[in-house]
PDB file of N, CA and C in Angstrom:
ATOM      1  N   MET A   1    -241.151 123.950 -10.388  1.00  0.00           N
ATOM      2  CA  MET A   1    -240.075 123.981 -11.364  1.00  0.00           C
ATOM      3  C   MET A   1    -240.671 123.905 -12.772  1.00  0.00           C
ATOM      4  N   ASN A   2    -240.236 124.761 -13.667  1.00  0.00           N
ATOM      5  CA  ASN A   2    -240.702 124.752 -15.044  1.00  0.00           C
ATOM      6  C   ASN A   2    -239.976 123.663 -15.831  1.00  0.00           C
ATOM      7  N   MET A   3    -240.764 122.905 -16.595  1.00  0.00           N
ATOM      8  CA  MET A   3    -240.182 121.870 -17.453  1.00  0.00           C
ATOM      9  C   MET A   3    -239.829 122.512 -18.792  1.00  0.00           C
ATOM     10  N   PRO A   4    -238.709 122.144 -19.397  1.00  0.00           N
ATOM     11  CA  PRO A   4    -238.350 122.716 -20.703  1.00  0.00           C
ATOM     12  C   PRO A   4    -239.342 122.268 -21.778  1.00  0.00           C
ATOM     13  N   LEU A   5    -239.572 123.132 -22.754  1.00  0.00           N
ATOM     14  CA  LEU A   5    -240.449 122.781 -23.864  1.00  0.00           C
ATOM     15  C   LEU A   5    -239.784 121.721 -24.720  1.00  0.00           C
ATOM     16  N   SER A   6    -240.579 120.777 -25.187  1.00  0.00           N
ATOM     17  CA  SER A   6    -240.079 119.778 -26.126  1.00  0.00           C
ATOM     18  C   SER A   6    -240.421 120.239 -27.527  1.00  0.00           C
ATOM     19  N   HIS A   7    -239.466 120.138 -28.406  1.00  0.00           N
ATOM     20  CA  HIS A   7    -239.678 120.545 -29.786  1.00  0.00           C
ATOM     21  C   HIS A   7    -239.732 119.350 -30.725  1.00  0.00           C
ATOM     22  N   LYS A   8    -239.541 118.173 -30.173  1.00  0.00           N
ATOM     23  CA  LYS A   8    -239.574 116.956 -30.985  1.00  0.00           C
ATOM     24  C   LYS A   8    -240.327 115.883 -30.218  1.00  0.00           C
ATOM     25  N   VAL A   9    -241.303 115.302 -30.871  1.00  0.00           N
ATOM     26  CA  VAL A   9    -242.111 114.240 -30.260  1.00  0.00           C
ATOM     27  C   VAL A   9    -241.803 112.945 -31.009  1.00  0.00           C
ATOM     28  N   LYS A  10    -241.428 111.905 -30.270  1.00  0.00           N
ATOM     29  CA  LYS A  10    -241.075 110.623 -30.889  1.00  0.00           C
ATOM     30  C   LYS A  10    -242.121 109.571 -30.514  1.00  0.00           C
ATOM     31  N   PHE A  11    -243.185 109.497 -31.311  1.00  0.00           N
ATOM     32  CA  PHE A  11    -244.228 108.505 -31.056  1.00  0.00           C
ATOM     33  C   PHE A  11    -243.684 107.085 -31.134  1.00  0.00           C
ATOM     34  N   ASP A  12    -242.673 106.867 -31.992  1.00  0.00           N
ATOM     35  CA  ASP A  12    -242.098 105.518 -32.136  1.00  0.00           C
ATOM     36  C   ASP A  12    -241.490 104.998 -30.840  1.00  0.00           C
ATOM     37  N   GLU A  13    -241.120 105.893 -29.949  1.00  0.00           N
ATOM     38  CA  GLU A  13    -240.497 105.492 -28.686  1.00  0.00           C
ATOM     39  C   GLU A  13    -241.501 105.391 -27.534  1.00  0.00           C
ATOM     40  N   MET A  14    -242.757 105.668 -27.810  1.00  0.00           N
ATOM     41  CA  MET A  14    -243.801 105.633 -26.774  1.00  0.00           C
ATOM     42  C   MET A  14    -244.560 104.311 -26.813  1.00  0.00           C
ATOM     43  N   ASP A  15    -245.032 103.892 -25.646  1.00  0.00           N
ATOM     44  CA  ASP A  15    -245.875 102.705 -25.561  1.00  0.00           C
ATOM     45  C   ASP A  15    -247.313 103.064 -25.898  1.00  0.00           C
ATOM     46  N   TRP A  16    -248.036 102.098 -26.451  1.00  0.00           N
ATOM     47  CA  TRP A  16    -249.458 102.276 -26.709  1.00  0.00           C
ATOM     48  C   TRP A  16    -250.230 102.196 -25.393  1.00  0.00           C
ATOM     49  N   VAL A  17    -251.228 103.036 -25.237  1.00  0.00           N
ATOM     50  CA  VAL A  17    -252.165 102.951 -24.121  1.00  0.00           C
ATOM     51  C   VAL A  17    -253.392 102.229 -24.667  1.00  0.00           C
ATOM     52  N   GLU A  18    -253.641 101.029 -24.148  1.00  0.00           N
ATOM     53  CA  GLU A  18    -254.773 100.219 -24.612  1.00  0.00           C
ATOM     54  C   GLU A  18    -256.019 100.626 -23.826  1.00  0.00           C
ATOM     55  N   VAL A  19    -256.977 101.196 -24.520  1.00  0.00           N
ATOM     56  CA  VAL A  19    -258.216 101.632 -23.886  1.00  0.00           C
ATOM     57  C   VAL A  19    -259.233 100.494 -23.876  1.00  0.00           C
ATOM     58  N   GLY A  20    -259.109  99.581 -24.824  1.00  0.00           N
ATOM     59  CA  GLY A  20    -260.079  98.496 -24.988  1.00  0.00           C
ATOM     60  C   GLY A  20    -261.119  98.884 -26.016  1.00  0.00           C
ATOM     61  N   ASP A  21    -262.017  97.968 -26.308  1.00  0.00           N
ATOM     62  CA  ASP A  21    -263.076  98.207 -27.294  1.00  0.00           C
ATOM     63  C   ASP A  21    -262.531  98.729 -28.619  1.00  0.00           C
ATOM     64  N   GLY A  22    -261.385  98.211 -29.043  1.00  0.00           N
ATOM     65  CA  GLY A  22    -260.853  98.548 -30.353  1.00  0.00           C
ATOM     66  C   GLY A  22    -260.165  99.893 -30.453  1.00  0.00           C
ATOM     67  N   MET A  23    -259.716 100.435 -29.329  1.00  0.00           N
ATOM     68  CA  MET A  23    -259.042 101.732 -29.360  1.00  0.00           C
ATOM     69  C   MET A  23    -257.750 101.695 -28.549  1.00  0.00           C
ATOM     70  N   ARG A  24    -256.718 102.326 -29.119  1.00  0.00           N
ATOM     71  CA  ARG A  24    -255.476 102.533 -28.391  1.00  0.00           C
ATOM     72  C   ARG A  24    -254.855 103.838 -28.890  1.00  0.00           C
ATOM     73  N   PHE A  25    -253.939 104.406 -28.072  1.00  0.00           N
ATOM     74  CA  PHE A  25    -253.317 105.662 -28.468  1.00  0.00           C
ATOM     75  C   PHE A  25    -251.965 105.847 -27.794  1.00  0.00           C
ATOM     76  N   LYS A  26    -251.185 106.777 -28.371  1.00  0.00           N
ATOM     77  CA  LYS A  26    -249.952 107.280 -27.770  1.00  0.00           C
ATOM     78  C   LYS A  26    -250.186 108.773 -27.581  1.00  0.00           C
ATOM     79  N   ARG A  27    -249.747 109.304 -26.437  1.00  0.00           N
ATOM     80  CA  ARG A  27    -250.062 110.696 -26.130  1.00  0.00           C
ATOM     81  C   ARG A  27    -248.845 111.466 -25.651  1.00  0.00           C
ATOM     82  N   PHE A  28    -248.771 112.717 -26.109  1.00  0.00           N
ATOM     83  CA  PHE A  28    -247.779 113.667 -25.642  1.00  0.00           C
ATOM     84  C   PHE A  28    -248.527 114.918 -25.216  1.00  0.00           C
ATOM     85  N   GLN A  29    -248.274 115.383 -24.004  1.00  0.00           N
ATOM     86  CA  GLN A  29    -248.954 116.573 -23.496  1.00  0.00           C
ATOM     87  C   GLN A  29    -247.934 117.632 -23.130  1.00  0.00           C
ATOM     88  N   GLN A  30    -248.242 118.859 -23.531  1.00  0.00           N
ATOM     89  CA  GLN A  30    -247.402 119.988 -23.167  1.00  0.00           C
ATOM     90  C   GLN A  30    -248.315 121.182 -22.929  1.00  0.00           C
ATOM     91  N   GLY A  31    -248.314 121.697 -21.715  1.00  0.00           N
ATOM     92  CA  GLY A  31    -249.230 122.788 -21.383  1.00  0.00           C
ATOM     93  C   GLY A  31    -250.670 122.314 -21.479  1.00  0.00           C
ATOM     94  N   ASP A  32    -251.510 123.100 -22.134  1.00  0.00           N
ATOM     95  CA  ASP A  32    -252.926 122.735 -22.245  1.00  0.00           C
ATOM     96  C   ASP A  32    -253.260 122.059 -23.571  1.00  0.00           C
ATOM     97  N   LEU A  33    -252.236 121.600 -24.303  1.00  0.00           N
ATOM     98  CA  LEU A  33    -252.463 120.869 -25.549  1.00  0.00           C
ATOM     99  C   LEU A  33    -251.900 119.457 -25.454  1.00  0.00           C
ATOM    100  N   GLN A  34    -252.562 118.551 -26.158  1.00  0.00           N
ATOM    101  CA  GLN A  34    -252.016 117.204 -26.267  1.00  0.00           C
ATOM    102  C   GLN A  34    -252.025 116.783 -27.727  1.00  0.00           C
ATOM    103  N   LEU A  35    -251.042 115.965 -28.066  1.00  0.00           N
ATOM    104  CA  LEU A  35    -250.943 115.334 -29.378  1.00  0.00           C
ATOM    105  C   LEU A  35    -251.164 113.859 -29.147  1.00  0.00           C
ATOM    106  N   ARG A  36    -251.973 113.252 -30.003  1.00  0.00           N
ATOM    107  CA  ARG A  36    -252.201 111.810 -29.861  1.00  0.00           C
ATOM    108  C   ARG A  36    -252.088 111.134 -31.222  1.00  0.00           C
ATOM    109  N   LEU A  37    -251.486 109.965 -31.224  1.00  0.00           N
ATOM    110  CA  LEU A  37    -251.538 109.052 -32.346  1.00  0.00           C
ATOM    111  C   LEU A  37    -252.576 108.016 -31.925  1.00  0.00           C
ATOM    112  N   VAL A  38    -253.685 107.942 -32.664  1.00  0.00           N
ATOM    113  CA  VAL A  38    -254.824 107.119 -32.257  1.00  0.00           C
ATOM    114  C   VAL A  38    -255.065 106.035 -33.298  1.00  0.00           C
ATOM    115  N   GLU A  39    -255.376 104.825 -32.809  1.00  0.00           N
ATOM    116  CA  GLU A  39    -255.728 103.724 -33.698  1.00  0.00           C
ATOM    117  C   GLU A  39    -257.049 103.134 -33.230  1.00  0.00           C
ATOM    118  N   TRP A  40    -257.978 103.033 -34.155  1.00  0.00           N
ATOM    119  CA  TRP A  40    -259.267 102.388 -33.902  1.00  0.00           C
ATOM    120  C   TRP A  40    -259.408 101.206 -34.842  1.00  0.00           C
ATOM    121  N   ASP A  41    -260.118 100.178 -34.401  1.00  0.00           N
ATOM    122  CA  ASP A  41    -260.491  99.115 -35.341  1.00  0.00           C
ATOM    123  C   ASP A  41    -262.013  99.008 -35.353  1.00  0.00           C
ATOM    124  N   LYS A  42    -262.524  98.085 -36.151  1.00  0.00           N
ATOM    125  CA  LYS A  42    -263.979  97.972 -36.316  1.00  0.00           C
ATOM    126  C   LYS A  42    -264.722  97.677 -35.023  1.00  0.00           C
ATOM    127  N   ALA A  43    -264.025  97.121 -34.032  1.00  0.00           N
ATOM    128  CA  ALA A  43    -264.675  96.800 -32.760  1.00  0.00           C
ATOM    129  C   ALA A  43    -264.958  98.049 -31.926  1.00  0.00           C
ATOM    130  N   MET A  44    -264.329  99.182 -32.285  1.00  0.00           N
ATOM    131  CA  MET A  44    -264.506 100.414 -31.524  1.00  0.00           C
ATOM    132  C   MET A  44    -265.941 100.925 -31.719  1.00  0.00           C
ATOM    133  N   VAL A  45    -266.638 101.044 -30.610  1.00  0.00           N
ATOM    134  CA  VAL A  45    -268.010 101.554 -30.629  1.00  0.00           C
ATOM    135  C   VAL A  45    -268.070 102.750 -29.701  1.00  0.00           C
ATOM    136  N   HIS A  46    -268.570 103.843 -30.206  1.00  0.00           N
ATOM    137  CA  HIS A  46    -268.708 105.063 -29.413  1.00  0.00           C
ATOM    138  C   HIS A  46    -270.190 105.199 -29.070  1.00  0.00           C
ATOM    139  N   PRO A  47    -270.640 104.594 -27.952  1.00  0.00           N
ATOM    140  CA  PRO A  47    -272.081 104.539 -27.651  1.00  0.00           C
ATOM    141  C   PRO A  47    -272.706 105.894 -27.339  1.00  0.00           C
ATOM    142  N   SER A  48    -271.908 106.836 -26.869  1.00  0.00           N
ATOM    143  CA  SER A  48    -272.484 108.148 -26.567  1.00  0.00           C
ATOM    144  C   SER A  48    -271.785 109.216 -27.405  1.00  0.00           C
ATOM    145  N   TRP A  49    -272.407 110.360 -27.500  1.00  0.00           N
ATOM    146  CA  TRP A  49    -271.855 111.466 -28.268  1.00  0.00           C
ATOM    147  C   TRP A  49    -270.635 112.045 -27.552  1.00  0.00           C
ATOM    148  N   CYS A  50    -269.611 112.401 -28.294  1.00  0.00           N
ATOM    149  CA  CYS A  50    -268.430 113.072 -27.751  1.00  0.00           C
ATOM    150  C   CYS A  50    -268.636 114.572 -27.915  1.00  0.00           C
ATOM    151  N   LEU A  51    -268.377 115.328 -26.867  1.00  0.00           N
ATOM    152  CA  LEU A  51    -268.543 116.781 -26.896  1.00  0.00           C
ATOM    153  C   LEU A  51    -267.198 117.516 -26.884  1.00  0.00           C
ATOM    154  N   LYS A  52    -266.096 116.764 -26.828  1.00  0.00           N
ATOM    155  CA  LYS A  52    -264.765 117.368 -26.805  1.00  0.00           C
ATOM    156  C   LYS A  52    -264.368 117.828 -28.208  1.00  0.00           C
ATOM    157  N   GLY A  53    -263.496 118.814 -28.265  1.00  0.00           N
ATOM    158  CA  GLY A  53    -262.994 119.288 -29.551  1.00  0.00           C
ATOM    159  C   GLY A  53    -261.779 118.498 -29.998  1.00  0.00           C
ATOM    160  N   HIS A  54    -261.675 118.269 -31.300  1.00  0.00           N
ATOM    161  CA  HIS A  54    -260.545 117.525 -31.872  1.00  0.00           C
ATOM    162  C   HIS A  54    -260.201 118.109 -33.241  1.00  0.00           C
ATOM    163  N   ILE A  55    -258.929 118.102 -33.555  1.00  0.00           N
ATOM    164  CA  ILE A  55    -258.461 118.323 -34.922  1.00  0.00           C
ATOM    165  C   ILE A  55    -257.673 117.072 -35.250  1.00  0.00           C
ATOM    166  N   GLY A  56    -258.037 116.389 -36.332  1.00  0.00           N
ATOM    167  CA  GLY A  56    -257.379 115.131 -36.660  1.00  0.00           C
ATOM    168  C   GLY A  56    -256.985 115.034 -38.118  1.00  0.00           C
ATOM    169  N   TYR A  57    -255.839 114.411 -38.355  1.00  0.00           N
ATOM    170  CA  TYR A  57    -255.351 114.128 -39.699  1.00  0.00           C
ATOM    171  C   TYR A  57    -255.353 112.612 -39.865  1.00  0.00           C
ATOM    172  N   VAL A  58    -256.128 112.111 -40.823  1.00  0.00           N
ATOM    173  CA  VAL A  58    -256.256 110.668 -41.026  1.00  0.00           C
ATOM    174  C   VAL A  58    -255.015 110.146 -41.746  1.00  0.00           C
ATOM    175  N   LEU A  59    -254.330 109.203 -41.094  1.00  0.00           N
ATOM    176  CA  LEU A  59    -253.125 108.598 -41.660  1.00  0.00           C
ATOM    177  C   LEU A  59    -253.460 107.428 -42.577  1.00  0.00           C
ATOM    178  N   ASP A  60    -254.366 106.564 -42.127  1.00  0.00           N
ATOM    179  CA  ASP A  60    -254.827 105.466 -42.970  1.00  0.00           C
ATOM    180  C   ASP A  60    -256.153 104.938 -42.447  1.00  0.00           C
ATOM    181  N   GLY A  61    -256.858 104.247 -43.338  1.00  0.00           N
ATOM    182  CA  GLY A  61    -258.178 103.728 -43.001  1.00  0.00           C
ATOM    183  C   GLY A  61    -259.290 104.702 -43.364  1.00  0.00           C
ATOM    184  N   VAL A  62    -260.508 104.273 -43.064  1.00  0.00           N
ATOM    185  CA  VAL A  62    -261.695 105.067 -43.382  1.00  0.00           C
ATOM    186  C   VAL A  62    -262.605 105.088 -42.165  1.00  0.00           C
ATOM    187  N   VAL A  63    -263.102 106.269 -41.836  1.00  0.00           N
ATOM    188  CA  VAL A  63    -264.028 106.429 -40.724  1.00  0.00           C
ATOM    189  C   VAL A  63    -265.198 107.294 -41.172  1.00  0.00           C
ATOM    190  N   GLU A  64    -266.350 106.976 -40.633  1.00  0.00           N
ATOM    191  CA  GLU A  64    -267.557 107.766 -40.848  1.00  0.00           C
ATOM    192  C   GLU A  64    -267.798 108.519 -39.539  1.00  0.00           C
ATOM    193  N   ILE A  65    -267.960 109.833 -39.609  1.00  0.00           N
ATOM    194  CA  ILE A  65    -268.208 110.600 -38.393  1.00  0.00           C
ATOM    195  C   ILE A  65    -269.559 111.286 -38.517  1.00  0.00           C
ATOM    196  N   ASP A  66    -270.428 110.981 -37.574  1.00  0.00           N
ATOM    197  CA  ASP A  66    -271.729 111.628 -37.473  1.00  0.00           C
ATOM    198  C   ASP A  66    -271.529 112.870 -36.607  1.00  0.00           C
ATOM    199  N   ILE A  67    -271.684 114.026 -37.220  1.00  0.00           N
ATOM    200  CA  ILE A  67    -271.520 115.289 -36.506  1.00  0.00           C
ATOM    201  C   ILE A  67    -272.892 115.934 -36.392  1.00  0.00           C
ATOM    202  N   ALA A  68    -273.512 115.771 -35.226  1.00  0.00           N
ATOM    203  CA  ALA A  68    -274.835 116.346 -34.935  1.00  0.00           C
ATOM    204  C   ALA A  68    -275.858 116.003 -36.014  1.00  0.00           C
ATOM    205  N   GLY A  69    -275.808 114.747 -36.488  1.00  0.00           N
ATOM    206  CA  GLY A  69    -276.795 114.284 -37.456  1.00  0.00           C
ATOM    207  C   GLY A  69    -276.357 114.344 -38.906  1.00  0.00           C
ATOM    208  N   THR A  70    -275.203 114.933 -39.188  1.00  0.00           N
ATOM    209  CA  THR A  70    -274.666 114.970 -40.548  1.00  0.00           C
ATOM    210  C   THR A  70    -273.479 114.016 -40.605  1.00  0.00           C
ATOM    211  N   VAL A  71    -273.556 113.024 -41.493  1.00  0.00           N
ATOM    212  CA  VAL A  71    -272.517 111.991 -41.577  1.00  0.00           C
ATOM    213  C   VAL A  71    -271.573 112.297 -42.736  1.00  0.00           C
ATOM    214  N   SER A  72    -270.265 112.243 -42.450  1.00  0.00           N
ATOM    215  CA  SER A  72    -269.241 112.465 -43.469  1.00  0.00           C
ATOM    216  C   SER A  72    -268.198 111.367 -43.380  1.00  0.00           C
ATOM    217  N   LEU A  73    -267.588 111.033 -44.527  1.00  0.00           N
ATOM    218  CA  LEU A  73    -266.514 110.039 -44.584  1.00  0.00           C
ATOM    219  C   LEU A  73    -265.168 110.736 -44.591  1.00  0.00           C
ATOM    220  N   TYR A  74    -264.214 110.138 -43.885  1.00  0.00           N
ATOM    221  CA  TYR A  74    -262.859 110.646 -43.843  1.00  0.00           C
ATOM    222  C   TYR A  74    -261.911 109.487 -44.117  1.00  0.00           C
ATOM    223  N   ALA A  75    -260.923 109.730 -45.002  1.00  0.00           N
ATOM    224  CA  ALA A  75    -259.951 108.705 -45.379  1.00  0.00           C
ATOM    225  C   ALA A  75    -258.557 109.328 -45.329  1.00  0.00           C
ATOM    226  N   ALA A  76    -257.541 108.510 -45.603  1.00  0.00           N
ATOM    227  CA  ALA A  76    -256.147 108.959 -45.546  1.00  0.00           C
ATOM    228  C   ALA A  76    -255.972 110.284 -46.272  1.00  0.00           C
ATOM    229  N   GLY A  77    -255.336 111.238 -45.576  1.00  0.00           N
ATOM    230  CA  GLY A  77    -255.094 112.556 -46.141  1.00  0.00           C
ATOM    231  C   GLY A  77    -256.134 113.596 -45.774  1.00  0.00           C
ATOM    232  N   ASP A  78    -257.275 113.158 -45.236  1.00  0.00           N
ATOM    233  CA  ASP A  78    -258.329 114.091 -44.835  1.00  0.00           C
ATOM    234  C   ASP A  78    -258.058 114.630 -43.433  1.00  0.00           C
ATOM    235  N   VAL A  79    -258.559 115.828 -43.194  1.00  0.00           N
ATOM    236  CA  VAL A  79    -258.475 116.455 -41.875  1.00  0.00           C
ATOM    237  C   VAL A  79    -259.895 116.701 -41.386  1.00  0.00           C
ATOM    238  N   PHE A  80    -260.138 116.392 -40.114  1.00  0.00           N
ATOM    239  CA  PHE A  80    -261.434 116.753 -39.525  1.00  0.00           C
ATOM    240  C   PHE A  80    -261.199 117.766 -38.416  1.00  0.00           C
ATOM    241  N   ILE A  81    -262.098 118.736 -38.347  1.00  0.00           N
ATOM    242  CA  ILE A  81    -262.051 119.776 -37.325  1.00  0.00           C
ATOM    243  C   ILE A  81    -263.384 119.734 -36.601  1.00  0.00           C
ATOM    244  N   LEU A  82    -263.357 119.314 -35.352  1.00  0.00           N
ATOM    245  CA  LEU A  82    -264.567 119.145 -34.557  1.00  0.00           C
ATOM    246  C   LEU A  82    -264.491 120.061 -33.345  1.00  0.00           C
ATOM    247  N   PRO A  83    -265.176 121.208 -33.405  1.00  0.00           N
ATOM    248  CA  PRO A  83    -265.183 122.094 -32.242  1.00  0.00           C
ATOM    249  C   PRO A  83    -265.875 121.415 -31.061  1.00  0.00           C
ATOM    250  N   GLU A  84    -265.568 121.879 -29.855  1.00  0.00           N
ATOM    251  CA  GLU A  84    -266.212 121.291 -28.677  1.00  0.00           C
ATOM    252  C   GLU A  84    -267.625 121.847 -28.537  1.00  0.00           C
ATOM    253  N   GLY A  85    -268.453 121.087 -27.818  1.00  0.00           N
ATOM    254  CA  GLY A  85    -269.789 121.562 -27.498  1.00  0.00           C
ATOM    255  C   GLY A  85    -270.906 120.731 -28.083  1.00  0.00           C
ATOM    256  N   GLU A  86    -272.072 120.898 -27.520  1.00  0.00           N
ATOM    257  CA  GLU A  86    -273.277 120.145 -27.898  1.00  0.00           C
ATOM    258  C   GLU A  86    -273.625 120.303 -29.381  1.00  0.00           C
ATOM    259  N   GLU A  87    -273.470 121.498 -29.931  1.00  0.00           N
ATOM    260  CA  GLU A  87    -273.852 121.714 -31.331  1.00  0.00           C
ATOM    261  C   GLU A  87    -272.937 121.003 -32.314  1.00  0.00           C
ATOM    262  N   HIS A  88    -271.764 120.536 -31.833  1.00  0.00           N
ATOM    263  CA  HIS A  88    -270.817 119.807 -32.680  1.00  0.00           C
ATOM    264  C   HIS A  88    -270.614 118.384 -32.167  1.00  0.00           C
ATOM    265  N   LYS A  89    -271.567 117.858 -31.408  1.00  0.00           N
ATOM    266  CA  LYS A  89    -271.429 116.505 -30.868  1.00  0.00           C
ATOM    267  C   LYS A  89    -271.139 115.546 -32.019  1.00  0.00           C
ATOM    268  N   HIS A  90    -270.344 114.549 -31.737  1.00  0.00           N
ATOM    269  CA  HIS A  90    -269.916 113.655 -32.812  1.00  0.00           C
ATOM    270  C   HIS A  90    -269.715 112.234 -32.294  1.00  0.00           C
ATOM    271  N   ARG A  91    -269.793 111.316 -33.272  1.00  0.00           N
ATOM    272  CA  ARG A  91    -269.658 109.888 -32.965  1.00  0.00           C
ATOM    273  C   ARG A  91    -269.076 109.205 -34.204  1.00  0.00           C
ATOM    274  N   PRO A  92    -267.924 108.522 -34.058  1.00  0.00           N
ATOM    275  CA  PRO A  92    -267.291 107.861 -35.197  1.00  0.00           C
ATOM    276  C   PRO A  92    -267.708 106.400 -35.358  1.00  0.00           C
ATOM    277  N   LYS A  93    -267.543 105.924 -36.585  1.00  0.00           N
ATOM    278  CA  LYS A  93    -267.725 104.497 -36.900  1.00  0.00           C
ATOM    279  C   LYS A  93    -266.653 104.133 -37.914  1.00  0.00           C
ATOM    280  N   VAL A  94    -265.807 103.167 -37.565  1.00  0.00           N
ATOM    281  CA  VAL A  94    -264.712 102.747 -38.441  1.00  0.00           C
ATOM    282  C   VAL A  94    -265.268 101.829 -39.525  1.00  0.00           C
ATOM    283  N   LEU A  95    -264.950 102.139 -40.786  1.00  0.00           N
ATOM    284  CA  LEU A  95    -265.437 101.333 -41.911  1.00  0.00           C
ATOM    285  C   LEU A  95    -264.375 100.379 -42.455  1.00  0.00           C
ATOM    286  N   SER A  96    -263.097 100.698 -42.255  1.00  0.00           N
ATOM    287  CA  SER A  96    -262.016  99.805 -42.679  1.00  0.00           C
ATOM    288  C   SER A  96    -261.650  98.895 -41.501  1.00  0.00           C
ATOM    289  N   GLU A  97    -260.730  97.981 -41.712  1.00  0.00           N
ATOM    290  CA  GLU A  97    -260.329  97.100 -40.614  1.00  0.00           C
ATOM    291  C   GLU A  97    -259.724  97.897 -39.460  1.00  0.00           C
ATOM    292  N   LYS A  98    -258.877  98.871 -39.801  1.00  0.00           N
ATOM    293  CA  LYS A  98    -258.263  99.759 -38.813  1.00  0.00           C
ATOM    294  C   LYS A  98    -258.247 101.169 -39.375  1.00  0.00           C
ATOM    295  N   MET A  99    -258.171 102.128 -38.476  1.00  0.00           N
ATOM    296  CA  MET A  99    -258.091 103.531 -38.859  1.00  0.00           C
ATOM    297  C   MET A  99    -257.129 104.199 -37.899  1.00  0.00           C
ATOM    298  N   ARG A 100    -256.163 104.967 -38.432  1.00  0.00           N
ATOM    299  CA  ARG A 100    -255.217 105.683 -37.585  1.00  0.00           C
ATOM    300  C   ARG A 100    -255.256 107.157 -37.929  1.00  0.00           C
ATOM    301  N   PHE A 101    -255.168 107.981 -36.889  1.00  0.00           N
ATOM    302  CA  PHE A 101    -255.124 109.419 -37.116  1.00  0.00           C
ATOM    303  C   PHE A 101    -254.255 110.105 -36.078  1.00  0.00           C
ATOM    304  N   PHE A 102    -253.785 111.279 -36.437  1.00  0.00           N
ATOM    305  CA  PHE A 102    -253.001 112.130 -35.568  1.00  0.00           C
ATOM    306  C   PHE A 102    -253.918 113.235 -35.094  1.00  0.00           C
ATOM    307  N   ALA A 103    -254.003 113.468 -33.780  1.00  0.00           N
ATOM    308  CA  ALA A 103    -254.935 114.445 -33.224  1.00  0.00           C
ATOM    309  C   ALA A 103    -254.224 115.521 -32.423  1.00  0.00           C
ATOM    310  N   VAL A 104    -254.762 116.729 -32.515  1.00  0.00           N
ATOM    311  CA  VAL A 104    -254.352 117.850 -31.676  1.00  0.00           C
ATOM    312  C   VAL A 104    -255.578 118.242 -30.872  1.00  0.00           C
ATOM    313  N   GLU A 105    -255.432 118.272 -29.551  1.00  0.00           N
ATOM    314  CA  GLU A 105    -256.591 118.498 -28.682  1.00  0.00           C
ATOM    315  C   GLU A 105    -256.211 119.368 -27.501  1.00  0.00           C
ATOM    316  N   LYS A 106    -257.170 120.157 -27.070  1.00  0.00           N
ATOM    317  CA  LYS A 106    -256.991 120.939 -25.854  1.00  0.00           C
ATOM    318  C   LYS A 106    -257.280 120.031 -24.664  1.00  0.00           C
ATOM    319  N   VAL A 107    -256.445 120.110 -23.650  1.00  0.00           N
ATOM    320  CA  VAL A 107    -256.646 119.309 -22.446  1.00  0.00           C
ATOM    321  C   VAL A 107    -257.603 120.068 -21.542  1.00  0.00           C
ATOM    322  N   SER A 108    -258.678 119.384 -21.130  1.00  0.00           N
ATOM    323  CA  SER A 108    -259.650 120.081 -20.288  1.00  0.00           C
ATOM    324  C   SER A 108    -259.452 119.764 -18.831  1.00  0.00           C
TER     325      SER A 108
END
């Protein structure tokens, strides 16, 4: 049975998924795309490189993202575009107490 497309996503009505280590998120998935509202705090440590692709809009806070050896800062209003794959491997480090962003990602 085909599910109807949703044209409105209400993050305020969703529960947080607590991942631990300073990370939690709310997720909406439709087809092969997902939308996430993500919150990290300073305790969040990304010990290994992430190879997944992400497009994110920073809502608040400051994060430093090491993208294959090049480090850039992102703050409220900034957008990051991280293609998938080894050549775009990335690892974040939160510099503010908390950092929140909205992400669009392909579901693998």
